[in-house]
Amino acid sequence: MKKEDIDNLKVNDIINPNWLDTYHKQIEALWLQAVEFNVNLFLLEKINNFPFHLFVNDYIWFWYFIANSLHDSCTMVAWRIAVDNKSDVWTVRRLKNSIIKNTINEAAKTKIRKKLKEIKFNKKISSTEKRVNDHLRSRWLWIPAKGR
């Protein structure tokens, strides 16, 4: 398949018109969460790289707690986007499944599936799920070792 084949697909031409409004709402909701994630990462980077030691001798606890809050927020956004499996929550995996289900053209469905396979979509989402779950367990939950 040529690269331009998938790039030339137009949402309005391949998505069930009755579902198009839902599609746009889901895309916007996930986009806003991705923006929140990236803004939090940007702020974390600025806080972590700022030379506070030039202005004060002691560690500034305020910025420590702000950085922790931003970190936790990033974790929760990642959870909402990639991991959460409640029936009323739109994750990228649910969006992908809904797009395929509501694509009215079989040729377009095939192109979408091929592109998803090419970019290893399922593998990347599964990897993200594992990392987020592992992080949540290690940060907020104490899980005893087996056999204890």
N, C-alpha and C. Protein backbone atom coordinates (compact mmCIF):
# COMPACT_ATOMS: atom_id res chain seq x y z
N MET A 1 0.85 -1.17 0.00
CA MET A 1 0.00 0.00 0.00
C MET A 1 0.89 1.24 0.00
N LYS A 2 0.55 2.19 -0.81
CA LYS A 2 1.29 3.44 -0.85
C LYS A 2 0.90 4.29 0.34
N LYS A 3 1.87 5.09 0.81
CA LYS A 3 1.62 5.93 1.97
C LYS A 3 0.46 6.87 1.73
N GLU A 4 0.37 7.43 0.54
CA GLU A 4 -0.67 8.42 0.26
C GLU A 4 -2.07 7.82 0.27
N ASP A 5 -2.19 6.49 0.13
CA ASP A 5 -3.51 5.87 0.15
C ASP A 5 -4.25 6.16 1.46
N ILE A 6 -3.58 5.95 2.57
CA ILE A 6 -4.21 6.18 3.87
C ILE A 6 -4.34 7.68 4.14
N ASP A 7 -3.38 8.45 3.67
CA ASP A 7 -3.40 9.90 3.92
C ASP A 7 -4.51 10.59 3.14
N ASN A 8 -4.97 9.98 2.06
CA ASN A 8 -6.00 10.61 1.24
C ASN A 8 -7.42 10.27 1.71
N LEU A 9 -7.55 9.43 2.70
CA LEU A 9 -8.89 9.12 3.21
C LEU A 9 -9.46 10.35 3.91
N LYS A 10 -10.70 10.65 3.61
CA LYS A 10 -11.39 11.79 4.23
C LYS A 10 -12.44 11.23 5.18
N VAL A 11 -12.41 11.72 6.41
CA VAL A 11 -13.32 11.23 7.45
C VAL A 11 -14.77 11.28 6.97
N ASN A 12 -15.16 12.37 6.38
CA ASN A 12 -16.55 12.53 5.94
C ASN A 12 -16.95 11.52 4.87
N ASP A 13 -15.97 10.99 4.15
CA ASP A 13 -16.26 10.03 3.08
C ASP A 13 -16.32 8.58 3.56
N ILE A 14 -15.72 8.29 4.70
CA ILE A 14 -15.62 6.89 5.11
C ILE A 14 -16.38 6.54 6.39
N ILE A 15 -16.76 7.55 7.16
CA ILE A 15 -17.44 7.31 8.44
C ILE A 15 -18.95 7.40 8.25
N ASN A 16 -19.67 6.52 8.90
CA ASN A 16 -21.13 6.54 8.90
C ASN A 16 -21.59 7.95 9.30
N PRO A 17 -22.37 8.62 8.46
CA PRO A 17 -22.79 10.00 8.76
C PRO A 17 -23.52 10.13 10.10
N ASN A 18 -24.23 9.08 10.51
CA ASN A 18 -24.95 9.12 11.79
C ASN A 18 -24.00 9.11 12.99
N TRP A 19 -22.76 8.69 12.77
CA TRP A 19 -21.79 8.59 13.86
C TRP A 19 -20.75 9.71 13.80
N LEU A 20 -20.77 10.51 12.77
CA LEU A 20 -19.74 11.52 12.54
C LEU A 20 -19.65 12.53 13.68
N ASP A 21 -20.77 12.97 14.22
CA ASP A 21 -20.76 13.92 15.33
C ASP A 21 -20.08 13.32 16.56
N THR A 22 -20.38 12.05 16.86
CA THR A 22 -19.74 11.35 17.98
C THR A 22 -18.25 11.24 17.74
N TYR A 23 -17.84 10.93 16.51
CA TYR A 23 -16.42 10.85 16.16
C TYR A 23 -15.71 12.16 16.50
N HIS A 24 -16.27 13.27 16.07
CA HIS A 24 -15.63 14.57 16.31
C HIS A 24 -15.55 14.89 17.81
N LYS A 25 -16.58 14.54 18.56
CA LYS A 25 -16.57 14.77 20.01
C LYS A 25 -15.49 13.92 20.68
N GLN A 26 -15.36 12.66 20.26
CA GLN A 26 -14.35 11.78 20.84
C GLN A 26 -12.94 12.26 20.53
N ILE A 27 -12.72 12.65 19.29
CA ILE A 27 -11.41 13.16 18.89
C ILE A 27 -11.06 14.40 19.71
N GLU A 28 -12.01 15.30 19.87
CA GLU A 28 -11.74 16.52 20.63
C GLU A 28 -11.46 16.20 22.10
N ALA A 29 -12.22 15.29 22.68
CA ALA A 29 -12.01 14.92 24.09
C ALA A 29 -10.62 14.32 24.29
N LEU A 30 -10.22 13.41 23.41
CA LEU A 30 -8.89 12.81 23.53
C LEU A 30 -7.81 13.83 23.24
N TRP A 31 -8.05 14.71 22.29
CA TRP A 31 -7.08 15.77 21.97
C TRP A 31 -6.85 16.67 23.18
N LEU A 32 -7.92 17.08 23.84
CA LEU A 32 -7.77 17.95 25.01
C LEU A 32 -7.00 17.26 26.14
N GLN A 33 -7.20 15.96 26.30
CA GLN A 33 -6.45 15.23 27.30
C GLN A 33 -4.96 15.15 26.91
N ALA A 34 -4.70 14.97 25.63
CA ALA A 34 -3.31 14.94 25.16
C ALA A 34 -2.65 16.30 25.37
N VAL A 35 -3.39 17.37 25.15
CA VAL A 35 -2.86 18.72 25.40
C VAL A 35 -2.54 18.89 26.88
N GLU A 36 -3.46 18.46 27.74
CA GLU A 36 -3.23 18.54 29.19
C GLU A 36 -1.96 17.78 29.58
N PHE A 37 -1.81 16.58 29.04
CA PHE A 37 -0.63 15.76 29.31
C PHE A 37 0.65 16.50 28.90
N ASN A 38 0.66 17.04 27.69
CA ASN A 38 1.85 17.72 27.19
C ASN A 38 2.16 19.02 27.93
N VAL A 39 1.14 19.77 28.31
CA VAL A 39 1.37 20.99 29.10
C VAL A 39 1.96 20.62 30.45
N ASN A 40 1.43 19.59 31.09
CA ASN A 40 1.97 19.14 32.38
C ASN A 40 3.42 18.71 32.24
N LEU A 41 3.75 17.97 31.19
CA LEU A 41 5.14 17.56 30.97
C LEU A 41 6.05 18.77 30.74
N PHE A 42 5.57 19.73 29.98
CA PHE A 42 6.34 20.95 29.73
C PHE A 42 6.63 21.68 31.04
N LEU A 43 5.59 21.84 31.87
CA LEU A 43 5.77 22.52 33.16
C LEU A 43 6.72 21.74 34.07
N LEU A 44 6.58 20.43 34.09
CA LEU A 44 7.48 19.60 34.90
C LEU A 44 8.94 19.79 34.47
N GLU A 45 9.15 19.80 33.18
CA GLU A 45 10.51 19.98 32.67
C GLU A 45 11.07 21.34 33.10
N LYS A 46 10.27 22.38 33.00
CA LYS A 46 10.73 23.72 33.40
C LYS A 46 11.03 23.78 34.90
N ILE A 47 10.15 23.20 35.71
CA ILE A 47 10.38 23.20 37.16
C ILE A 47 11.63 22.40 37.52
N ASN A 48 11.75 21.22 36.92
CA ASN A 48 12.90 20.37 37.25
C ASN A 48 14.23 20.94 36.78
N ASN A 49 14.21 21.74 35.73
CA ASN A 49 15.46 22.30 35.20
C ASN A 49 15.78 23.70 35.72
N PHE A 50 14.86 24.29 36.49
CA PHE A 50 15.09 25.65 36.98
C PHE A 50 16.13 25.63 38.11
N PRO A 51 17.09 26.54 38.07
CA PRO A 51 18.16 26.56 39.09
C PRO A 51 17.74 27.25 40.39
N PHE A 52 16.84 26.63 41.13
CA PHE A 52 16.37 27.20 42.39
C PHE A 52 17.52 27.44 43.36
N HIS A 53 18.54 26.63 43.29
CA HIS A 53 19.67 26.75 44.22
C HIS A 53 20.38 28.10 44.11
N LEU A 54 20.19 28.80 43.02
CA LEU A 54 20.80 30.12 42.87
C LEU A 54 20.09 31.19 43.71
N PHE A 55 18.87 30.92 44.11
CA PHE A 55 18.06 31.91 44.81
C PHE A 55 17.85 31.60 46.29
N VAL A 56 17.89 30.32 46.64
CA VAL A 56 17.68 29.93 48.04
C VAL A 56 18.65 28.82 48.40
N ASN A 57 18.94 28.71 49.68
CA ASN A 57 19.84 27.66 50.15
C ASN A 57 19.13 26.34 50.41
N ASP A 58 17.91 26.42 50.92
CA ASP A 58 17.15 25.23 51.26
C ASP A 58 16.28 24.79 50.08
N TYR A 59 15.92 23.53 50.13
CA TYR A 59 15.04 22.99 49.09
C TYR A 59 13.68 23.66 49.20
N ILE A 60 13.09 23.98 48.08
CA ILE A 60 11.79 24.66 48.07
C ILE A 60 10.68 23.62 47.99
N TRP A 61 10.03 23.36 49.11
CA TRP A 61 9.01 22.33 49.19
C TRP A 61 7.81 22.63 48.32
N PHE A 62 7.49 23.90 48.15
CA PHE A 62 6.35 24.26 47.31
C PHE A 62 6.49 23.66 45.91
N TRP A 63 7.65 23.84 45.29
CA TRP A 63 7.87 23.35 43.93
C TRP A 63 7.94 21.83 43.89
N TYR A 64 8.40 21.23 44.97
CA TYR A 64 8.41 19.77 45.06
C TYR A 64 6.98 19.23 44.97
N PHE A 65 6.07 19.85 45.73
CA PHE A 65 4.69 19.38 45.72
C PHE A 65 3.98 19.71 44.40
N ILE A 66 4.31 20.84 43.80
CA ILE A 66 3.75 21.17 42.49
C ILE A 66 4.20 20.14 41.46
N ALA A 67 5.50 19.81 41.47
CA ALA A 67 6.03 18.82 40.52
C ALA A 67 5.36 17.46 40.74
N ASN A 68 5.19 17.06 42.00
CA ASN A 68 4.51 15.78 42.28
C ASN A 68 3.07 15.79 41.77
N SER A 69 2.38 16.90 41.95
CA SER A 69 0.99 17.00 41.47
C SER A 69 0.92 16.92 39.95
N LEU A 70 1.85 17.59 39.27
CA LEU A 70 1.88 17.53 37.81
C LEU A 70 2.20 16.11 37.34
N HIS A 71 3.10 15.46 38.04
CA HIS A 71 3.46 14.08 37.72
C HIS A 71 2.24 13.17 37.88
N ASP A 72 1.54 13.31 38.98
CA ASP A 72 0.34 12.50 39.21
C ASP A 72 -0.73 12.79 38.16
N SER A 73 -0.86 14.04 37.79
CA SER A 73 -1.82 14.41 36.77
C SER A 73 -1.48 13.76 35.43
N CYS A 74 -0.21 13.73 35.08
CA CYS A 74 0.22 13.06 33.84
C CYS A 74 -0.14 11.58 33.89
N THR A 75 0.09 10.96 35.03
CA THR A 75 -0.22 9.54 35.18
C THR A 75 -1.72 9.30 35.00
N MET A 76 -2.54 10.15 35.57
CA MET A 76 -3.98 9.96 35.48
C MET A 76 -4.49 10.23 34.07
N VAL A 77 -3.90 11.21 33.37
CA VAL A 77 -4.30 11.46 31.98
C VAL A 77 -3.92 10.25 31.13
N ALA A 78 -2.72 9.73 31.33
CA ALA A 78 -2.30 8.53 30.59
C ALA A 78 -3.27 7.39 30.87
N TRP A 79 -3.70 7.26 32.11
CA TRP A 79 -4.68 6.23 32.47
C TRP A 79 -5.98 6.44 31.69
N ARG A 80 -6.48 7.67 31.69
CA ARG A 80 -7.75 7.95 31.00
C ARG A 80 -7.65 7.70 29.49
N ILE A 81 -6.52 8.04 28.90
CA ILE A 81 -6.37 7.91 27.45
C ILE A 81 -6.14 6.46 27.03
N ALA A 82 -5.35 5.72 27.79
CA ALA A 82 -4.90 4.41 27.31
C ALA A 82 -5.41 3.21 28.09
N VAL A 83 -5.77 3.37 29.35
CA VAL A 83 -5.99 2.20 30.19
C VAL A 83 -7.44 2.01 30.63
N ASP A 84 -8.09 3.07 31.05
CA ASP A 84 -9.42 2.97 31.66
C ASP A 84 -10.35 2.15 30.78
N ASN A 85 -11.03 1.19 31.37
CA ASN A 85 -11.88 0.31 30.57
C ASN A 85 -13.35 0.36 30.97
N LYS A 86 -13.77 1.43 31.64
CA LYS A 86 -15.19 1.58 31.93
C LYS A 86 -15.93 1.76 30.60
N SER A 87 -17.16 1.33 30.57
CA SER A 87 -17.91 1.34 29.31
C SER A 87 -18.22 2.74 28.80
N ASP A 88 -18.22 3.73 29.67
CA ASP A 88 -18.57 5.09 29.23
C ASP A 88 -17.35 5.98 29.00
N VAL A 89 -16.16 5.41 29.02
CA VAL A 89 -14.93 6.20 28.87
C VAL A 89 -14.36 5.96 27.48
N TRP A 90 -13.92 7.03 26.84
CA TRP A 90 -13.34 6.91 25.50
C TRP A 90 -11.83 6.92 25.56
N THR A 91 -11.26 5.77 25.38
CA THR A 91 -9.80 5.64 25.29
C THR A 91 -9.44 5.60 23.80
N VAL A 92 -8.15 5.67 23.50
CA VAL A 92 -7.74 5.59 22.10
C VAL A 92 -8.09 4.23 21.50
N ARG A 93 -8.02 3.19 22.30
CA ARG A 93 -8.38 1.86 21.80
C ARG A 93 -9.88 1.80 21.46
N ARG A 94 -10.71 2.33 22.32
CA ARG A 94 -12.16 2.34 22.03
C ARG A 94 -12.47 3.21 20.82
N LEU A 95 -11.75 4.33 20.69
CA LEU A 95 -11.95 5.18 19.53
C LEU A 95 -11.57 4.42 18.25
N LYS A 96 -10.43 3.74 18.29
CA LYS A 96 -9.99 2.94 17.13
C LYS A 96 -11.05 1.92 16.76
N ASN A 97 -11.55 1.18 17.74
CA ASN A 97 -12.57 0.16 17.48
C ASN A 97 -13.85 0.78 16.93
N SER A 98 -14.24 1.92 17.45
CA SER A 98 -15.45 2.59 16.98
C SER A 98 -15.28 3.11 15.56
N ILE A 99 -14.09 3.61 15.24
CA ILE A 99 -13.84 4.09 13.88
C ILE A 99 -13.96 2.92 12.90
N ILE A 100 -13.33 1.81 13.22
CA ILE A 100 -13.40 0.65 12.33
C ILE A 100 -14.85 0.16 12.20
N LYS A 101 -15.55 0.11 13.30
CA LYS A 101 -16.94 -0.35 13.29
C LYS A 101 -17.81 0.57 12.44
N ASN A 102 -17.54 1.87 12.47
CA ASN A 102 -18.38 2.85 11.78
C ASN A 102 -17.83 3.30 10.43
N THR A 103 -16.81 2.62 9.95
CA THR A 103 -16.31 2.91 8.61
C THR A 103 -17.21 2.19 7.61
N ILE A 104 -17.75 2.94 6.66
CA ILE A 104 -18.76 2.37 5.76
C ILE A 104 -18.16 1.76 4.50
N ASN A 105 -16.89 1.95 4.29
CA ASN A 105 -16.23 1.47 3.08
C ASN A 105 -15.23 0.39 3.46
N GLU A 106 -15.40 -0.83 2.96
CA GLU A 106 -14.52 -1.96 3.32
C GLU A 106 -13.08 -1.72 2.91
N ALA A 107 -12.86 -1.06 1.77
CA ALA A 107 -11.49 -0.77 1.33
C ALA A 107 -10.81 0.17 2.32
N ALA A 108 -11.55 1.16 2.82
CA ALA A 108 -11.00 2.09 3.80
C ALA A 108 -10.72 1.37 5.12
N LYS A 109 -11.62 0.46 5.51
CA LYS A 109 -11.40 -0.33 6.73
C LYS A 109 -10.11 -1.11 6.64
N THR A 110 -9.89 -1.72 5.49
CA THR A 110 -8.66 -2.50 5.27
C THR A 110 -7.43 -1.60 5.36
N LYS A 111 -7.50 -0.43 4.75
CA LYS A 111 -6.37 0.51 4.81
C LYS A 111 -6.08 0.96 6.24
N ILE A 112 -7.14 1.24 7.00
CA ILE A 112 -6.98 1.67 8.39
C ILE A 112 -6.34 0.54 9.20
N ARG A 113 -6.84 -0.68 9.03
CA ARG A 113 -6.26 -1.82 9.77
C ARG A 113 -4.80 -2.04 9.41
N LYS A 114 -4.46 -1.92 8.14
CA LYS A 114 -3.07 -2.08 7.72
C LYS A 114 -2.18 -1.01 8.33
N LYS A 115 -2.67 0.23 8.34
CA LYS A 115 -1.88 1.32 8.92
C LYS A 115 -1.70 1.12 10.42
N LEU A 116 -2.73 0.69 11.11
CA LEU A 116 -2.64 0.42 12.55
C LEU A 116 -1.63 -0.68 12.83
N LYS A 117 -1.63 -1.71 11.98
CA LYS A 117 -0.67 -2.79 12.14
C LYS A 117 0.75 -2.29 11.85
N GLU A 118 0.88 -1.48 10.82
CA GLU A 118 2.18 -0.92 10.44
C GLU A 118 2.80 -0.09 11.56
N ILE A 119 1.99 0.70 12.24
CA ILE A 119 2.51 1.55 13.32
C ILE A 119 2.51 0.84 14.67
N LYS A 120 2.12 -0.44 14.67
CA LYS A 120 2.10 -1.27 15.88
C LYS A 120 1.24 -0.66 16.98
N PHE A 121 0.06 -0.22 16.58
CA PHE A 121 -0.86 0.46 17.49
C PHE A 121 -1.16 -0.37 18.73
N ASN A 122 -1.62 -1.60 18.55
CA ASN A 122 -2.00 -2.43 19.70
C ASN A 122 -0.82 -2.70 20.62
N LYS A 123 0.34 -2.94 20.06
CA LYS A 123 1.53 -3.20 20.87
C LYS A 123 1.90 -1.96 21.70
N LYS A 124 1.82 -0.79 21.09
CA LYS A 124 2.15 0.45 21.80
C LYS A 124 1.15 0.75 22.91
N ILE A 125 -0.13 0.53 22.64
CA ILE A 125 -1.15 0.78 23.66
C ILE A 125 -0.99 -0.23 24.80
N SER A 126 -0.75 -1.49 24.48
CA SER A 126 -0.54 -2.50 25.53
C SER A 126 0.67 -2.17 26.37
N SER A 127 1.73 -1.71 25.73
CA SER A 127 2.94 -1.31 26.46
C SER A 127 2.65 -0.13 27.39
N THR A 128 1.89 0.83 26.88
CA THR A 128 1.52 2.00 27.70
C THR A 128 0.66 1.56 28.88
N GLU A 129 -0.31 0.68 28.64
CA GLU A 129 -1.15 0.17 29.72
C GLU A 129 -0.31 -0.48 30.81
N LYS A 130 0.63 -1.31 30.41
CA LYS A 130 1.48 -1.98 31.39
C LYS A 130 2.31 -0.98 32.18
N ARG A 131 2.91 -0.01 31.50
CA ARG A 131 3.74 0.98 32.20
C ARG A 131 2.92 1.82 33.16
N VAL A 132 1.73 2.23 32.74
CA VAL A 132 0.88 3.04 33.63
C VAL A 132 0.44 2.21 34.83
N ASN A 133 0.00 0.98 34.60
CA ASN A 133 -0.41 0.11 35.71
C ASN A 133 0.75 -0.17 36.67
N ASP A 134 1.93 -0.47 36.12
CA ASP A 134 3.09 -0.70 36.97
C ASP A 134 3.44 0.54 37.79
N HIS A 135 3.35 1.69 37.14
CA HIS A 135 3.66 2.94 37.84
C HIS A 135 2.65 3.20 38.96
N LEU A 136 1.38 2.99 38.67
CA LEU A 136 0.35 3.21 39.69
C LEU A 136 0.56 2.28 40.88
N ARG A 137 0.87 1.02 40.61
CA ARG A 137 1.12 0.07 41.70
C ARG A 137 2.32 0.49 42.54
N SER A 138 3.38 0.90 41.88
CA SER A 138 4.60 1.22 42.63
C SER A 138 4.48 2.55 43.35
N ARG A 139 3.68 3.47 42.84
CA ARG A 139 3.60 4.80 43.46
C ARG A 139 2.55 4.87 44.56
N TRP A 140 1.40 4.26 44.35
CA TRP A 140 0.30 4.46 45.28
C TRP A 140 -0.15 3.22 46.03
N LEU A 141 0.24 2.08 45.57
CA LEU A 141 -0.25 0.86 46.21
C LEU A 141 0.91 0.03 46.70
N TRP A 142 0.73 -0.54 47.86
CA TRP A 142 1.71 -1.50 48.33
C TRP A 142 1.10 -2.87 48.11
N ILE A 143 1.74 -3.66 47.30
CA ILE A 143 1.25 -5.00 47.00
C ILE A 143 2.26 -5.99 47.57
N PRO A 144 1.83 -6.82 48.54
CA PRO A 144 2.76 -7.76 49.14
C PRO A 144 3.24 -8.79 48.13
N ALA A 145 4.45 -9.26 48.34
CA ALA A 145 5.01 -10.30 47.48
C ALA A 145 4.20 -11.58 47.65
N LYS A 146 4.14 -12.38 46.61
CA LYS A 146 3.39 -13.63 46.67
C LYS A 146 4.04 -14.55 47.70
N GLY A 147 3.21 -15.28 48.42
CA GLY A 147 3.69 -16.25 49.39
C GLY A 147 3.95 -15.69 50.77
N ARG A 148 3.65 -14.41 50.96
CA ARG A 148 3.86 -13.81 52.28
C ARG A 148 2.57 -13.63 53.02
